[in-house]
Amino acid sequence: MGPKNLLFAIVLGSALAAGVFVATKLNRPPELQTGFIVPLPNALPDFSLLDQSGGLVNADTFRGQWDLVFFGFTNCPDICPTTLQVLANARRELIDSGATTVPRIVLVSVDPERDTPEVLGQYVNYFGEGNLGVTGTLEGIKTLTGALGIYFEKSPTDDGYGVDHSAAVLVINPDGEFSALFSAPHLIASFVHDLPIIMGDD
C-alpha cells in the first residue's frame, strides 16, 4: 500500500471510529444525577398499617401508580419538612412541564405514638393534594422498614424525644416494588431530571 493509500485508510478508519463513538453516545440512555435504580426490584413485605383517614394500608396500596416514599415524623424540626417540600416542588414542576407520569408523595411515620391518622393527615395536606400519610402500630412500621433497610430509633431530647431516621426517598413502581432511591441531600432539580428516566417517561 502506497503512502497516499495508507494515509487515506488511516483517515477513513478514524472517521468511522468517531462515527461509531458518536452514535454510541447518542443511543446511550440519559444518566441519572443522584437517583439509583435497584438492579432487582424488591416486592414490599406483607404489612398492615393505616392511612390518614383510618383506612387500611398494605402492599396493594402501592400498586397501580408510582410512589415517592419518605420515612419521617410530624415533629421533625428540619429534615422531614424540607424533604417533603422538595418533593412537592419537584412534583409541581413535573406537572407544569407536561409530564405524563407524576408520582404520589407518601410519608410513613416513624413516630406512631404521636402521629395519629388525623395529625398525619393535616401534616401531609400542607404539602399538596393527593399525598398519602401512613401510620399504625410500631410493629407494622418495623415490618415495612426492616424489609426496605430503613433505620429509625427514638432519641431523648430536652423536651421529650426525637426520632433518628434514614433520610432516603424510595421509589415504588406500579407493581408495588422498591425499584429506585434517592439519597440525601435532596434537590428539586435532581428529582425533576431523574424521575422521568426512572419511570420510563423521558
Protein backbone atom coordinates (compact mmCIF):
# COMPACT_ATOMS: atom_id res chain seq x y z
CA MET A 1 0.00 0.00 0.00
CA GLY A 2 1.41 3.36 -1.04
CA PRO A 3 1.83 6.32 1.33
CA LYS A 4 -1.26 8.06 -0.08
CA ASN A 5 -3.41 4.95 0.27
CA LEU A 6 -2.10 4.34 3.77
CA LEU A 7 -2.92 7.92 4.80
CA PHE A 8 -6.42 7.57 3.28
CA ALA A 9 -7.01 4.32 5.20
CA ILE A 10 -5.93 5.91 8.47
CA VAL A 11 -8.21 8.93 7.94
CA LEU A 12 -11.14 6.73 6.92
CA GLY A 13 -10.62 4.45 9.91
CA SER A 14 -10.51 7.40 12.27
CA ALA A 15 -13.71 8.84 10.81
CA LEU A 16 -15.51 5.51 11.13
CA ALA A 17 -14.34 5.13 14.72
CA ALA A 18 -15.51 8.64 15.53
CA GLY A 19 -18.86 7.90 13.90
CA VAL A 20 -19.32 4.76 15.97
CA PHE A 21 -18.38 6.69 19.12
CA VAL A 22 -20.87 9.48 18.37
CA ALA A 23 -23.64 7.00 17.55
CA THR A 24 -22.97 5.15 20.77
CA LYS A 25 -23.20 8.36 22.77
CA LEU A 26 -26.42 9.36 21.02
CA ASN A 27 -28.04 5.99 21.73
CA ARG A 28 -26.94 5.89 25.35
CA PRO A 29 -29.85 6.41 27.80
CA PRO A 30 -29.80 9.63 29.85
CA GLU A 31 -27.74 9.38 33.01
CA LEU A 32 -29.21 9.86 36.47
CA GLN A 33 -27.95 12.78 38.53
CA THR A 34 -28.48 11.43 42.06
CA GLY A 35 -31.06 8.65 41.77
CA PHE A 36 -30.10 4.98 41.85
CA ILE A 37 -32.08 2.23 40.13
CA VAL A 38 -32.23 -1.05 42.06
CA PRO A 39 -30.97 -3.83 39.73
CA LEU A 40 -33.56 -6.29 41.04
CA PRO A 41 -36.72 -4.53 42.34
CA ASN A 42 -37.92 -5.85 45.70
CA ALA A 43 -41.57 -6.59 46.43
CA LEU A 44 -42.98 -4.94 49.54
CA PRO A 45 -43.50 -7.22 52.57
CA ASP A 46 -46.83 -8.31 54.00
CA PHE A 47 -47.73 -5.46 56.36
CA SER A 48 -50.81 -3.71 57.70
CA LEU A 49 -50.97 0.00 58.57
CA LEU A 50 -53.41 2.94 58.38
CA ASP A 51 -53.74 5.99 56.14
CA GLN A 52 -54.70 9.49 57.28
CA SER A 53 -58.39 8.59 57.01
CA GLY A 54 -58.04 5.44 59.11
CA GLY A 55 -58.22 3.16 56.06
CA LEU A 56 -56.13 0.04 55.58
CA VAL A 57 -52.70 0.40 54.01
CA ASN A 58 -50.89 -2.71 52.80
CA ALA A 59 -48.73 -3.78 49.88
CA ASP A 60 -51.69 -3.48 47.48
CA THR A 61 -51.94 0.25 48.31
CA PHE A 62 -48.70 0.74 46.40
CA ARG A 63 -49.87 -0.91 43.19
CA GLY A 64 -51.10 0.97 40.16
CA GLN A 65 -49.04 4.17 40.47
CA TRP A 66 -45.53 5.41 41.10
CA ASP A 67 -44.83 6.47 44.70
CA LEU A 68 -42.11 8.53 46.37
CA VAL A 69 -41.88 7.18 49.92
CA PHE A 70 -40.20 9.04 52.75
CA PHE A 71 -39.99 7.85 56.36
CA GLY A 72 -40.26 10.66 58.90
CA PHE A 73 -42.47 12.23 61.55
CA THR A 74 -44.55 15.35 62.06
CA ASN A 75 -42.49 16.68 64.98
CA CYS A 76 -39.30 16.55 62.93
CA PRO A 77 -37.69 20.01 63.10
CA ASP A 78 -35.90 20.18 59.76
CA ILE A 79 -35.15 17.18 57.55
CA CYS A 80 -38.73 15.97 57.16
CA PRO A 81 -40.47 19.23 56.23
CA THR A 82 -37.56 20.23 53.99
CA THR A 83 -37.61 16.90 52.14
CA LEU A 84 -41.39 16.91 51.72
CA GLN A 85 -41.28 20.46 50.36
CA VAL A 86 -38.60 19.42 47.87
CA LEU A 87 -40.78 16.53 46.73
CA ALA A 88 -43.84 18.77 46.48
CA ASN A 89 -41.95 21.34 44.40
CA ALA A 90 -40.47 18.66 42.15
CA ARG A 91 -43.90 17.14 41.62
CA ARG A 92 -45.31 20.56 40.73
CA GLU A 93 -42.52 21.14 38.22
CA LEU A 94 -43.18 17.77 36.59
CA ILE A 95 -46.86 18.65 36.25
CA ASP A 96 -46.06 22.09 34.83
CA SER A 97 -43.65 20.53 32.31
CA GLY A 98 -46.43 18.31 30.97
CA ALA A 99 -45.07 15.02 32.34
CA THR A 100 -47.45 12.15 31.62
CA THR A 101 -46.48 10.29 34.79
CA VAL A 102 -46.35 12.06 38.15
CA PRO A 103 -45.64 10.09 41.36
CA ARG A 104 -47.60 10.28 44.59
CA ILE A 105 -45.86 11.52 47.72
CA VAL A 106 -46.06 9.16 50.70
CA LEU A 107 -44.95 9.89 54.27
CA VAL A 108 -44.65 6.85 56.52
CA SER A 109 -44.44 7.92 60.16
CA VAL A 110 -41.67 6.52 62.34
CA ASP A 111 -43.36 8.11 65.37
CA PRO A 112 -46.76 6.36 65.60
CA GLU A 113 -47.01 7.27 69.28
CA ARG A 114 -47.70 10.90 68.35
CA ASP A 115 -48.62 10.66 64.67
CA THR A 116 -52.26 9.63 64.71
CA PRO A 117 -54.07 9.45 61.35
CA GLU A 118 -55.65 12.86 62.00
CA VAL A 119 -52.34 14.53 62.90
CA LEU A 120 -50.62 12.94 59.93
CA GLY A 121 -53.42 13.94 57.57
CA GLN A 122 -53.15 17.61 58.48
CA TYR A 123 -49.39 17.45 58.03
CA VAL A 124 -49.25 15.79 54.59
CA ASN A 125 -52.04 18.01 53.26
CA TYR A 126 -49.81 21.01 53.90
CA PHE A 127 -47.53 19.77 51.11
CA GLY A 128 -50.26 19.44 48.50
CA GLU A 129 -53.27 17.39 47.47
CA GLY A 130 -53.21 13.66 46.90
CA ASN A 131 -50.42 12.88 49.35
CA LEU A 132 -50.63 9.71 51.42
CA GLY A 133 -49.85 9.60 55.14
CA VAL A 134 -49.17 6.21 56.72
CA THR A 135 -49.07 5.33 60.41
CA GLY A 136 -50.14 2.45 62.65
CA THR A 137 -48.55 0.13 65.13
CA LEU A 138 -44.83 0.19 65.81
CA GLU A 139 -44.71 -3.49 64.86
CA GLY A 140 -46.33 -2.83 61.50
CA ILE A 141 -43.97 0.03 60.74
CA LYS A 142 -40.94 -2.08 61.66
CA THR A 143 -42.14 -4.82 59.31
CA LEU A 144 -42.05 -2.33 56.45
CA THR A 145 -38.84 -0.51 57.41
CA GLY A 146 -36.99 -3.75 58.12
CA ALA A 147 -37.72 -5.10 54.65
CA LEU A 148 -36.64 -1.84 52.99
CA GLY A 149 -33.49 -1.23 55.02
CA ILE A 150 -34.82 1.92 56.69
CA TYR A 151 -33.34 2.81 60.09
CA PHE A 152 -35.14 4.68 62.86
CA GLU A 153 -34.73 4.95 66.62
CA LYS A 154 -36.01 7.19 69.41
CA SER A 155 -33.53 9.66 70.84
CA PRO A 156 -34.10 11.67 74.06
CA THR A 157 -34.25 15.47 73.87
CA ASP A 158 -34.64 18.24 76.44
CA ASP A 159 -38.38 18.47 75.78
CA GLY A 160 -39.19 14.80 75.25
CA TYR A 161 -37.82 12.74 72.38
CA GLY A 162 -37.00 12.87 68.71
CA VAL A 163 -36.56 10.10 66.18
CA ASP A 164 -33.34 9.48 64.29
CA HIS A 165 -34.12 8.00 60.88
CA SER A 166 -32.88 7.36 57.37
CA ALA A 167 -33.32 10.30 55.01
CA ALA A 168 -33.57 8.37 51.73
CA VAL A 169 -36.56 8.73 49.42
CA LEU A 170 -37.63 5.38 47.97
CA VAL A 171 -39.32 4.93 44.60
CA ILE A 172 -42.02 2.25 44.45
CA ASN A 173 -43.09 1.19 40.96
CA PRO A 174 -46.68 0.38 39.87
CA ASP A 175 -46.08 -3.30 40.59
CA GLY A 176 -45.58 -2.42 44.25
CA GLU A 177 -41.82 -2.95 44.15
CA PHE A 178 -38.99 -0.90 45.62
CA SER A 179 -37.21 -0.03 42.38
CA ALA A 180 -35.06 3.08 42.98
CA LEU A 181 -33.89 5.50 45.65
CA PHE A 182 -32.59 9.00 46.21
CA SER A 183 -30.07 9.65 48.97
CA ALA A 184 -29.81 12.96 50.83
CA PRO A 185 -29.18 15.80 50.26
CA HIS A 186 -32.31 16.15 48.13
CA LEU A 187 -32.53 18.66 45.28
CA ILE A 188 -35.61 19.60 43.28
CA ALA A 189 -33.68 19.60 40.01
CA SER A 190 -32.42 16.06 40.57
CA PHE A 191 -35.92 14.67 41.06
CA VAL A 192 -37.23 16.56 38.03
CA HIS A 193 -34.36 15.23 35.90
CA ASP A 194 -34.17 11.66 37.22
CA LEU A 195 -37.79 10.65 37.83
CA PRO A 196 -38.87 10.62 34.15
CA ILE A 197 -35.87 8.39 33.41
CA ILE A 198 -36.65 6.04 36.29
CA MET A 199 -40.34 5.90 35.37
CA GLY A 200 -39.55 5.39 31.67
CA ASP A 201 -41.14 8.72 30.81
CA ASP A 202 -38.09 10.55 29.47
